[in-house]
Amino acid sequence: MNAISGSCNCGQITVKLDKKPDSTCLCHCTDCQRFSGAPMSGNFIVQKDEVHIEGPVKRWAGKGASGNAVERYFCPNCV
């Protein structure tokens, strides 16, 4: 699979992955439910250096329900 790209709803932020994700998952933890506003969130598992984010992102960092570090980036305009 070639590179994958996408954007936020308003188009201010673009995201590009250099290659197919290492893994994908649906997470049902309360942290992901709160962040997504849904019963689950869909996630790509990728290496940090394979992701290219452009635009005025806001960052949230914390710990997930697993205790592992979690970083979330989002568009301040689409929130």
PDB file of N, CA and C in Angstrom:
ATOM      1  N   MET A   1       0.839  -1.175   0.000  1.00  0.00           N
ATOM      2  CA  MET A   1       0.000   0.000   0.000  1.00  0.00           C
ATOM      3  C   MET A   1       0.884   1.238   0.000  1.00  0.00           C
ATOM      4  N   ASN A   2       0.476   2.218  -0.768  1.00  0.00           N
ATOM      5  CA  ASN A   2       1.220   3.469  -0.838  1.00  0.00           C
ATOM      6  C   ASN A   2       0.883   4.357   0.348  1.00  0.00           C
ATOM      7  N   ALA A   3       1.379   5.566   0.294  1.00  0.00           N
ATOM      8  CA  ALA A   3       1.129   6.529   1.358  1.00  0.00           C
ATOM      9  C   ALA A   3      -0.371   6.762   1.526  1.00  0.00           C
ATOM     10  N   ILE A   4      -0.752   7.142   2.729  1.00  0.00           N
ATOM     11  CA  ILE A   4      -2.142   7.455   3.048  1.00  0.00           C
ATOM     12  C   ILE A   4      -2.185   8.920   3.457  1.00  0.00           C
ATOM     13  N   SER A   5      -3.222   9.636   3.036  1.00  0.00           N
ATOM     14  CA  SER A   5      -3.340  11.032   3.438  1.00  0.00           C
ATOM     15  C   SER A   5      -4.783  11.343   3.799  1.00  0.00           C
ATOM     16  N   GLY A   6      -4.944  12.398   4.568  1.00  0.00           N
ATOM     17  CA  GLY A   6      -6.270  12.839   4.963  1.00  0.00           C
ATOM     18  C   GLY A   6      -6.193  14.236   5.529  1.00  0.00           C
ATOM     19  N   SER A   7      -7.339  14.739   5.943  1.00  0.00           N
ATOM     20  CA  SER A   7      -7.371  16.079   6.518  1.00  0.00           C
ATOM     21  C   SER A   7      -8.491  16.159   7.538  1.00  0.00           C
ATOM     22  N   CYS A   8      -8.464  17.234   8.312  1.00  0.00           N
ATOM     23  CA  CYS A   8      -9.568  17.491   9.234  1.00  0.00           C
ATOM     24  C   CYS A   8     -10.772  17.948   8.413  1.00  0.00           C
ATOM     25  N   ASN A   9     -11.881  18.138   9.063  1.00  0.00           N
ATOM     26  CA  ASN A   9     -13.114  18.497   8.367  1.00  0.00           C
ATOM     27  C   ASN A   9     -13.017  19.837   7.646  1.00  0.00           C
ATOM     28  N   CYS A  10     -12.346  20.817   8.252  1.00  0.00           N
ATOM     29  CA  CYS A  10     -12.259  22.139   7.629  1.00  0.00           C
ATOM     30  C   CYS A  10     -11.085  22.257   6.652  1.00  0.00           C
ATOM     31  N   GLY A  11     -10.179  21.278   6.642  1.00  0.00           N
ATOM     32  CA  GLY A  11      -9.070  21.270   5.698  1.00  0.00           C
ATOM     33  C   GLY A  11      -7.816  21.992   6.146  1.00  0.00           C
ATOM     34  N   GLN A  12      -7.816  22.581   7.344  1.00  0.00           N
ATOM     35  CA  GLN A  12      -6.623  23.303   7.814  1.00  0.00           C
ATOM     36  C   GLN A  12      -5.458  22.382   8.133  1.00  0.00           C
ATOM     37  N   ILE A  13      -5.782  21.132   8.497  1.00  0.00           N
ATOM     38  CA  ILE A  13      -4.745  20.188   8.900  1.00  0.00           C
ATOM     39  C   ILE A  13      -4.714  19.024   7.923  1.00  0.00           C
ATOM     40  N   THR A  14      -3.511  18.681   7.482  1.00  0.00           N
ATOM     41  CA  THR A  14      -3.339  17.497   6.639  1.00  0.00           C
ATOM     42  C   THR A  14      -2.442  16.504   7.368  1.00  0.00           C
ATOM     43  N   VAL A  15      -2.727  15.243   7.135  1.00  0.00           N
ATOM     44  CA  VAL A  15      -1.951  14.160   7.742  1.00  0.00           C
ATOM     45  C   VAL A  15      -1.535  13.217   6.626  1.00  0.00           C
ATOM     46  N   LYS A  16      -0.268  12.834   6.608  1.00  0.00           N
ATOM     47  CA  LYS A  16       0.240  11.875   5.621  1.00  0.00           C
ATOM     48  C   LYS A  16       1.022  10.788   6.338  1.00  0.00           C
ATOM     49  N   LEU A  17       0.772   9.556   5.964  1.00  0.00           N
ATOM     50  CA  LEU A  17       1.541   8.412   6.456  1.00  0.00           C
ATOM     51  C   LEU A  17       2.406   7.934   5.309  1.00  0.00           C
ATOM     52  N   ASP A  18       3.679   7.655   5.592  1.00  0.00           N
ATOM     53  CA  ASP A  18       4.596   7.210   4.549  1.00  0.00           C
ATOM     54  C   ASP A  18       4.246   5.839   3.996  1.00  0.00           C
ATOM     55  N   LYS A  19       3.634   5.002   4.829  1.00  0.00           N
ATOM     56  CA  LYS A  19       3.327   3.639   4.412  1.00  0.00           C
ATOM     57  C   LYS A  19       2.113   3.122   5.163  1.00  0.00           C
ATOM     58  N   LYS A  20       1.725   1.935   4.826  1.00  0.00           N
ATOM     59  CA  LYS A  20       0.610   1.280   5.497  1.00  0.00           C
ATOM     60  C   LYS A  20       0.872   1.236   7.005  1.00  0.00           C
ATOM     61  N   PRO A  21      -0.157   1.464   7.835  1.00  0.00           N
ATOM     62  CA  PRO A  21       0.038   1.391   9.293  1.00  0.00           C
ATOM     63  C   PRO A  21       0.526   0.014   9.731  1.00  0.00           C
ATOM     64  N   ASP A  22       1.296  -0.020  10.817  1.00  0.00           N
ATOM     65  CA  ASP A  22       1.754  -1.286  11.375  1.00  0.00           C
ATOM     66  C   ASP A  22       0.573  -2.119  11.848  1.00  0.00           C
ATOM     67  N   SER A  23      -0.457  -1.436  12.344  1.00  0.00           N
ATOM     68  CA  SER A  23      -1.628  -2.123  12.870  1.00  0.00           C
ATOM     69  C   SER A  23      -2.787  -1.130  12.931  1.00  0.00           C
ATOM     70  N   THR A  24      -3.988  -1.636  13.005  1.00  0.00           N
ATOM     71  CA  THR A  24      -5.161  -0.806  13.242  1.00  0.00           C
ATOM     72  C   THR A  24      -5.945  -1.431  14.389  1.00  0.00           C
ATOM     73  N   CYS A  25      -6.714  -0.620  15.083  1.00  0.00           N
ATOM     74  CA  CYS A  25      -7.514  -1.171  16.176  1.00  0.00           C
ATOM     75  C   CYS A  25      -8.712  -0.285  16.456  1.00  0.00           C
ATOM     76  N   LEU A  26      -9.689  -0.884  17.078  1.00  0.00           N
ATOM     77  CA  LEU A  26     -10.821  -0.156  17.639  1.00  0.00           C
ATOM     78  C   LEU A  26     -10.652  -0.214  19.145  1.00  0.00           C
ATOM     79  N   CYS A  27     -10.676   0.933  19.789  1.00  0.00           N
ATOM     80  CA  CYS A  27     -10.491   0.974  21.235  1.00  0.00           C
ATOM     81  C   CYS A  27     -11.794   1.401  21.902  1.00  0.00           C
ATOM     82  N   HIS A  28     -12.150   0.704  22.963  1.00  0.00           N
ATOM     83  CA  HIS A  28     -13.381   0.977  23.704  1.00  0.00           C
ATOM     84  C   HIS A  28     -13.109   1.549  25.094  1.00  0.00           C
ATOM     85  N   CYS A  29     -11.866   1.928  25.401  1.00  0.00           N
ATOM     86  CA  CYS A  29     -11.565   2.430  26.744  1.00  0.00           C
ATOM     87  C   CYS A  29     -12.295   3.762  26.975  1.00  0.00           C
ATOM     88  N   THR A  30     -12.491   4.109  28.212  1.00  0.00           N
ATOM     89  CA  THR A  30     -13.238   5.333  28.522  1.00  0.00           C
ATOM     90  C   THR A  30     -12.521   6.586  28.019  1.00  0.00           C
ATOM     91  N   ASP A  31     -11.191   6.574  27.979  1.00  0.00           N
ATOM     92  CA  ASP A  31     -10.439   7.713  27.466  1.00  0.00           C
ATOM     93  C   ASP A  31     -10.756   7.932  25.983  1.00  0.00           C
ATOM     94  N   CYS A  32     -10.730   6.863  25.199  1.00  0.00           N
ATOM     95  CA  CYS A  32     -11.038   6.980  23.767  1.00  0.00           C
ATOM     96  C   CYS A  32     -12.509   7.323  23.540  1.00  0.00           C
ATOM     97  N   GLN A  33     -13.385   6.802  24.368  1.00  0.00           N
ATOM     98  CA  GLN A  33     -14.801   7.140  24.259  1.00  0.00           C
ATOM     99  C   GLN A  33     -15.013   8.633  24.513  1.00  0.00           C
ATOM    100  N   ARG A  34     -14.362   9.158  25.534  1.00  0.00           N
ATOM    101  CA  ARG A  34     -14.483  10.581  25.863  1.00  0.00           C
ATOM    102  C   ARG A  34     -13.942  11.441  24.721  1.00  0.00           C
ATOM    103  N   PHE A  35     -12.786  11.060  24.199  1.00  0.00           N
ATOM    104  CA  PHE A  35     -12.158  11.870  23.155  1.00  0.00           C
ATOM    105  C   PHE A  35     -12.960  11.845  21.860  1.00  0.00           C
ATOM    106  N   SER A  36     -13.467  10.667  21.479  1.00  0.00           N
ATOM    107  CA  SER A  36     -14.174  10.546  20.203  1.00  0.00           C
ATOM    108  C   SER A  36     -15.648  10.911  20.298  1.00  0.00           C
ATOM    109  N   GLY A  37     -16.204  10.867  21.501  1.00  0.00           N
ATOM    110  CA  GLY A  37     -17.628  11.114  21.650  1.00  0.00           C
ATOM    111  C   GLY A  37     -18.459   9.963  21.113  1.00  0.00           C
ATOM    112  N   ALA A  38     -17.857   8.793  21.036  1.00  0.00           N
ATOM    113  CA  ALA A  38     -18.513   7.605  20.495  1.00  0.00           C
ATOM    114  C   ALA A  38     -18.177   6.401  21.380  1.00  0.00           C
ATOM    115  N   PRO A  39     -18.817   5.247  21.138  1.00  0.00           N
ATOM    116  CA  PRO A  39     -18.531   4.067  21.956  1.00  0.00           C
ATOM    117  C   PRO A  39     -17.126   3.498  21.738  1.00  0.00           C
ATOM    118  N   MET A  40     -16.439   3.960  20.680  1.00  0.00           N
ATOM    119  CA  MET A  40     -15.092   3.474  20.378  1.00  0.00           C
ATOM    120  C   MET A  40     -14.385   4.485  19.492  1.00  0.00           C
ATOM    121  N   SER A  41     -13.104   4.289  19.314  1.00  0.00           N
ATOM    122  CA  SER A  41     -12.348   5.100  18.351  1.00  0.00           C
ATOM    123  C   SER A  41     -11.548   4.162  17.460  1.00  0.00           C
ATOM    124  N   GLY A  42     -11.428   4.534  16.197  1.00  0.00           N
ATOM    125  CA  GLY A  42     -10.593   3.788  15.250  1.00  0.00           C
ATOM    126  C   GLY A  42      -9.206   4.396  15.240  1.00  0.00           C
ATOM    127  N   ASN A  43      -8.177   3.548  15.300  1.00  0.00           N
ATOM    128  CA  ASN A  43      -6.806   4.047  15.423  1.00  0.00           C
ATOM    129  C   ASN A  43      -5.855   3.329  14.480  1.00  0.00           C
ATOM    130  N   PHE A  44      -4.906   4.085  13.938  1.00  0.00           N
ATOM    131  CA  PHE A  44      -3.767   3.526  13.215  1.00  0.00           C
ATOM    132  C   PHE A  44      -2.603   3.475  14.200  1.00  0.00           C
ATOM    133  N   ILE A  45      -1.859   2.391  14.193  1.00  0.00           N
ATOM    134  CA  ILE A  45      -0.639   2.287  14.994  1.00  0.00           C
ATOM    135  C   ILE A  45       0.526   2.474  14.026  1.00  0.00           C
ATOM    136  N   VAL A  46       1.270   3.568  14.209  1.00  0.00           N
ATOM    137  CA  VAL A  46       2.360   3.915  13.292  1.00  0.00           C
ATOM    138  C   VAL A  46       3.569   4.407  14.069  1.00  0.00           C
ATOM    139  N   GLN A  47       4.717   4.379  13.415  1.00  0.00           N
ATOM    140  CA  GLN A  47       5.930   4.951  13.987  1.00  0.00           C
ATOM    141  C   GLN A  47       5.856   6.468  13.852  1.00  0.00           C
ATOM    142  N   LYS A  48       6.293   7.180  14.859  1.00  0.00           N
ATOM    143  CA  LYS A  48       6.187   8.636  14.873  1.00  0.00           C
ATOM    144  C   LYS A  48       6.851   9.296  13.660  1.00  0.00           C
ATOM    145  N   ASP A  49       7.997   8.774  13.234  1.00  0.00           N
ATOM    146  CA  ASP A  49       8.711   9.388  12.116  1.00  0.00           C
ATOM    147  C   ASP A  49       8.069   9.094  10.760  1.00  0.00           C
ATOM    148  N   GLU A  50       7.028   8.275  10.721  1.00  0.00           N
ATOM    149  CA  GLU A  50       6.316   7.957   9.476  1.00  0.00           C
ATOM    150  C   GLU A  50       5.050   8.788   9.306  1.00  0.00           C
ATOM    151  N   VAL A  51       4.780   9.682  10.273  1.00  0.00           N
ATOM    152  CA  VAL A  51       3.588  10.524  10.246  1.00  0.00           C
ATOM    153  C   VAL A  51       4.007  11.974  10.030  1.00  0.00           C
ATOM    154  N   HIS A  52       3.320  12.648   9.117  1.00  0.00           N
ATOM    155  CA  HIS A  52       3.611  14.058   8.825  1.00  0.00           C
ATOM    156  C   HIS A  52       2.311  14.841   8.969  1.00  0.00           C
ATOM    157  N   ILE A  53       2.276  15.724   9.955  1.00  0.00           N
ATOM    158  CA  ILE A  53       1.097  16.522  10.237  1.00  0.00           C
ATOM    159  C   ILE A  53       1.428  17.971   9.942  1.00  0.00           C
ATOM    160  N   GLU A  54       0.605  18.613   9.123  1.00  0.00           N
ATOM    161  CA  GLU A  54       0.811  20.019   8.799  1.00  0.00           C
ATOM    162  C   GLU A  54      -0.440  20.799   9.147  1.00  0.00           C
ATOM    163  N   GLY A  55      -0.238  21.966   9.719  1.00  0.00           N
ATOM    164  CA  GLY A  55      -1.349  22.830  10.086  1.00  0.00           C
ATOM    165  C   GLY A  55      -1.301  23.175  11.559  1.00  0.00           C
ATOM    166  N   PRO A  56      -2.202  24.035  11.992  1.00  0.00           N
ATOM    167  CA  PRO A  56      -2.199  24.545  13.365  1.00  0.00           C
ATOM    168  C   PRO A  56      -2.855  23.572  14.349  1.00  0.00           C
ATOM    169  N   VAL A  57      -2.156  22.500  14.682  1.00  0.00           N
ATOM    170  CA  VAL A  57      -2.735  21.486  15.559  1.00  0.00           C
ATOM    171  C   VAL A  57      -2.659  21.879  17.033  1.00  0.00           C
ATOM    172  N   LYS A  58      -3.603  21.348  17.787  1.00  0.00           N
ATOM    173  CA  LYS A  58      -3.522  21.384  19.252  1.00  0.00           C
ATOM    174  C   LYS A  58      -3.133  19.978  19.669  1.00  0.00           C
ATOM    175  N   ARG A  59      -2.416  19.870  20.769  1.00  0.00           N
ATOM    176  CA  ARG A  59      -1.911  18.577  21.241  1.00  0.00           C
ATOM    177  C   ARG A  59      -2.417  18.317  22.643  1.00  0.00           C
ATOM    178  N   TRP A  60      -2.821  17.091  22.865  1.00  0.00           N
ATOM    179  CA  TRP A  60      -3.171  16.629  24.201  1.00  0.00           C
ATOM    180  C   TRP A  60      -2.302  15.431  24.492  1.00  0.00           C
ATOM    181  N   ALA A  61      -1.662  15.396  25.645  1.00  0.00           N
ATOM    182  CA  ALA A  61      -0.837  14.259  26.049  1.00  0.00           C
ATOM    183  C   ALA A  61      -1.266  13.812  27.428  1.00  0.00           C
ATOM    184  N   GLY A  62      -1.314  12.521  27.611  1.00  0.00           N
ATOM    185  CA  GLY A  62      -1.705  11.975  28.898  1.00  0.00           C
ATOM    186  C   GLY A  62      -1.463  10.476  28.905  1.00  0.00           C
ATOM    187  N   LYS A  63      -2.159   9.794  29.797  1.00  0.00           N
ATOM    188  CA  LYS A  63      -2.058   8.339  29.872  1.00  0.00           C
ATOM    189  C   LYS A  63      -3.413   7.743  29.550  1.00  0.00           C
ATOM    190  N   GLY A  64      -3.400   6.686  28.757  1.00  0.00           N
ATOM    191  CA  GLY A  64      -4.622   5.977  28.455  1.00  0.00           C
ATOM    192  C   GLY A  64      -5.014   5.072  29.607  1.00  0.00           C
ATOM    193  N   ALA A  65      -6.138   4.397  29.452  1.00  0.00           N
ATOM    194  CA  ALA A  65      -6.617   3.477  30.484  1.00  0.00           C
ATOM    195  C   ALA A  65      -5.603   2.364  30.755  1.00  0.00           C
ATOM    196  N   SER A  66      -4.765   2.052  29.767  1.00  0.00           N
ATOM    197  CA  SER A  66      -3.741   1.020  29.919  1.00  0.00           C
ATOM    198  C   SER A  66      -2.567   1.490  30.772  1.00  0.00           C
ATOM    199  N   GLY A  67      -2.471   2.801  30.955  1.00  0.00           N
ATOM    200  CA  GLY A  67      -1.319   3.376  31.647  1.00  0.00           C
ATOM    201  C   GLY A  67      -0.234   3.818  30.678  1.00  0.00           C
ATOM    202  N   ASN A  68      -0.380   3.483  29.403  1.00  0.00           N
ATOM    203  CA  ASN A  68       0.594   3.884  28.386  1.00  0.00           C
ATOM    204  C   ASN A  68       0.393   5.343  27.987  1.00  0.00           C
ATOM    205  N   ALA A  69       1.472   5.980  27.553  1.00  0.00           N
ATOM    206  CA  ALA A  69       1.400   7.366  27.095  1.00  0.00           C
ATOM    207  C   ALA A  69       0.544   7.453  25.838  1.00  0.00           C
ATOM    208  N   VAL A  70      -0.260   8.502  25.762  1.00  0.00           N
ATOM    209  CA  VAL A  70      -1.125   8.744  24.609  1.00  0.00           C
ATOM    210  C   VAL A  70      -0.949  10.193  24.190  1.00  0.00           C
ATOM    211  N   GLU A  71      -0.779  10.426  22.897  1.00  0.00           N
ATOM    212  CA  GLU A  71      -0.745  11.780  22.354  1.00  0.00           C
ATOM    213  C   GLU A  71      -1.865  11.880  21.330  1.00  0.00           C
ATOM    214  N   ARG A  72      -2.626  12.931  21.411  1.00  0.00           N
ATOM    215  CA  ARG A  72      -3.699  13.166  20.453  1.00  0.00           C
ATOM    216  C   ARG A  72      -3.502  14.571  19.882  1.00  0.00           C
ATOM    217  N   TYR A  73      -3.653  14.665  18.584  1.00  0.00           N
ATOM    218  CA  TYR A  73      -3.536  15.944  17.888  1.00  0.00           C
ATOM    219  C   TYR A  73      -4.872  16.219  17.222  1.00  0.00           C
ATOM    220  N   PHE A  74      -5.316  17.461  17.286  1.00  0.00           N
ATOM    221  CA  PHE A  74      -6.605  17.773  16.702  1.00  0.00           C
ATOM    222  C   PHE A  74      -6.626  19.211  16.214  1.00  0.00           C
ATOM    223  N   CYS A  75      -7.596  19.492  15.370  1.00  0.00           N
ATOM    224  CA  CYS A  75      -7.752  20.815  14.792  1.00  0.00           C
ATOM    225  C   CYS A  75      -8.487  21.714  15.774  1.00  0.00           C
ATOM    226  N   PRO A  76      -7.925  22.868  16.104  1.00  0.00           N
ATOM    227  CA  PRO A  76      -8.616  23.780  17.022  1.00  0.00           C
ATOM    228  C   PRO A  76      -9.873  24.391  16.409  1.00  0.00           C
ATOM    229  N   ASN A  77      -9.970  24.382  15.102  1.00  0.00           N
ATOM    230  CA  ASN A  77     -11.136  24.941  14.417  1.00  0.00           C
ATOM    231  C   ASN A  77     -12.294  23.949  14.346  1.00  0.00           C
ATOM    232  N   CYS A  78     -11.991  22.670  14.193  1.00  0.00           N
ATOM    233  CA  CYS A  78     -13.031  21.648  14.048  1.00  0.00           C
ATOM    234  C   CYS A  78     -13.569  21.136  15.385  1.00  0.00           C
ATOM    235  N   VAL A  79     -12.907  21.459  16.473  1.00  0.00           N
ATOM    236  CA  VAL A  79     -13.324  20.961  17.783  1.00  0.00           C
ATOM    237  C   VAL A  79     -14.689  21.419  18.026  1.00  0.00           C
TER     238      VAL A  79
END
